[in-house]
Structures are given as structure tokens and as C-alpha cells.
Amino acid sequence: MSPAPHTEHGPEDLCAAGAALYERALREGHVSAREAAEVPCLLDHGLLHPAVHDPKRCEPAHPAAALHRLLRASGERIARERRREERLTETFGALIRAAGVRPAADGSGLRLLGGIPRINLAITEAMAGASSELLCVQPNVRYGNQRDRTASAVAMERDQALLDRGGRIRTLYQHTQRHALLVLARYEELRGDVEARSLDEVTDRLIVVDRAVAYLPANEDSSLALEVRHPALVSFLATAFDRLWRLATPMYPHTAQQPSPPGITPRQHAIAALLVEGHTDAVIADRLGMNIRTAREHIAKLAATLGSTSRAQLGYLIGRSGILDRER
């Protein structure tokens, strides 16, 4: 019975037969050319080579030398791909700018994007043609899973590319993110005209590129997104961002103290406003971007400050104290 045909593979996925023969060649100094021919991957990847003085034998390359050669070849491929990406970006970036903003095929200026990869690709393509401004609303940012970390890395590259072209970035966060180390570290890495501010509450995630195209979630888990290119809608979203920006507290690069009434922290002030509206602890936590345990701790501290012994009394004391009537 003839041996099973050898399946092609890369050197990083060395087959069992190839690994065994290569190990024996390293121990004994050589193997027969016939044996090497049965496992062609070793010759293909330069792990074995014909002996100079005996063509019937194959001698092994030293593993360290082989590794160095393969890594160098891999680095060269990566460099070629990066140069290709740069040429593609340069070529199609110019074409995108020449094409200008085009409405969707149905004339609505709206397009539904499905799946995280497709959403990220659409944003990356829009950013490649951007030259002036990126506006973002980022509620309750987390980097707890691989998807979030990957998306953050992709966003860092395209954000820095915009800054390198002379553009600017403005981002709104919730107050709960003001001291988040991962968020602050992101801004320490970016170079250029970038600012961040925060509010008690912000809208859902929003991205506006050059005030020409906007992206916003189209479902709860953000696996669907709506691309908006209708000029009136994009202008409305950008104007809403501008108004929130003027109300927000500076966070980076200059940090401003959040104003609050005496004895009441900014977080407690925000919670008080939601308490008098009758919201539950869970709703308050969600709207302010914190977990329910933290929200309840702030409510307890607020109650202690105002001398309340019950939920009903707390609402009454908040109203009587006048803390919500003062200018923040």
C-alpha cells in the first residue's frame, strides 16, 4: 500500500512525520535522501538539504539558523503587506475624497451594517478619508474581553492616523470613566489635538467623522450599526454633540473639578436627581455607568449626609435641601 500523500503546511505547523525525521537527522547528522523525499516539507522549508559530498544523504540545518531565516522571511512579508496597506490607503483615500459624500442607493442616506468586522471596516474606511475631525460619545467603556481590546487597538491606529494628518479628536465619557486607568492611558499614547470631557449621563455610543458621516448602534449588543450620511441627520447629531460638549467637565488634557453643593459629591448630586424622578437602583446604576452595588453605596452616603432613614424620606429631604435647584 502506497503511503498517504503529504499535506502541504507551513513551518509553524510542522507535521509529526517531519518533526520526527528532523529530530533524527539532528541526532545522527543525516538521513537518506529517500526518507527526506517522503516528507518533502523538510526540504521545502530548508530544514534539510542535500549533502555536498553524498547526494544520497540529506543533512539538517541547525534549528537556530532555520528559525532566524524563517523569522526574517516572515518580517519581510509583514513589511511588504504594510507597504501595500499604505499604498492602498493613499490611493483610495484620494479617491474617497474626490468622490465626496454620496447618499445610499435608496436615497435615504442610511445604511444598516451587520457584524462587528463589517462595522469596524466601514468606520476604518470613513476614517481613511477623514481630514479634520472625529467626534465620539463613549458610554461606560470597558476592555474586559478580547473583542473590546481588539477594537481598541484598531481604533488607536486610525485615530493616530487622523491626528497625524492634522485632524482633531473630541470624546465624551461618563464621569465614572474620569479616573479609569485604561481610558487615561489611551490618551497618553495619542499624539496630537485630542481632548476628552465627561458628564453624569451621555447618549449611547456615537461616532461622527468630519461632520459628513455618523455611526450609532442599531441594537442592544451593538452587533448592528446604522451608518448615517444624510446631511441633515449628521448635522443634527454633530450639533447635539457640540451642546453636550459645552456642558461637560474637562477630563483630558486638562482636568477640572466637578462642581457640587457643599457636602454633596458630584456623583451623589447626579443620583439625587434620578432619585427624585422615581428611578430604581438598577436604572440609576445603568444610566450613570456604574454597578448596582456602587450605586447603593452612594445612595446610602447621600442618605446619611441628609439624615434620611427611609427611601421616601430621602426624596423629601433632597427636595427640601434645594441641592437640585443650585447651578452646577
Foldseek 3Di string as FASTA:
>chain_A
DDDDQADDDDPVCQDPLRVVVLVVLVVVFKDFPVSCVRHVNCVVLQQWDADPVDNRIIGGDDVVVSVVVVVVVVVVVVVVVVVVVVVVLVVVLVVDVVVAFDADPVRQQKDKDAAPVRVLVVVLSLLSNFAAEKEKEAEQQDDPDPVSVVSLVSVLVSVLVNQVSVYEYEYEYAPVCLPPPVVVVSVVPRDHHYWYFYYQFDDAIKMQTPLQWIKGAPDDVSSMIMIGRDNVVSVVVVVVSVVVVVVTATRPPDGDADDFPPPAHPLLLQLLVVLLVPDDLCVSCVRRNHHSVVSVVSVVSQCVSQVHDDSVVSNVSSVVVCRNVDDD
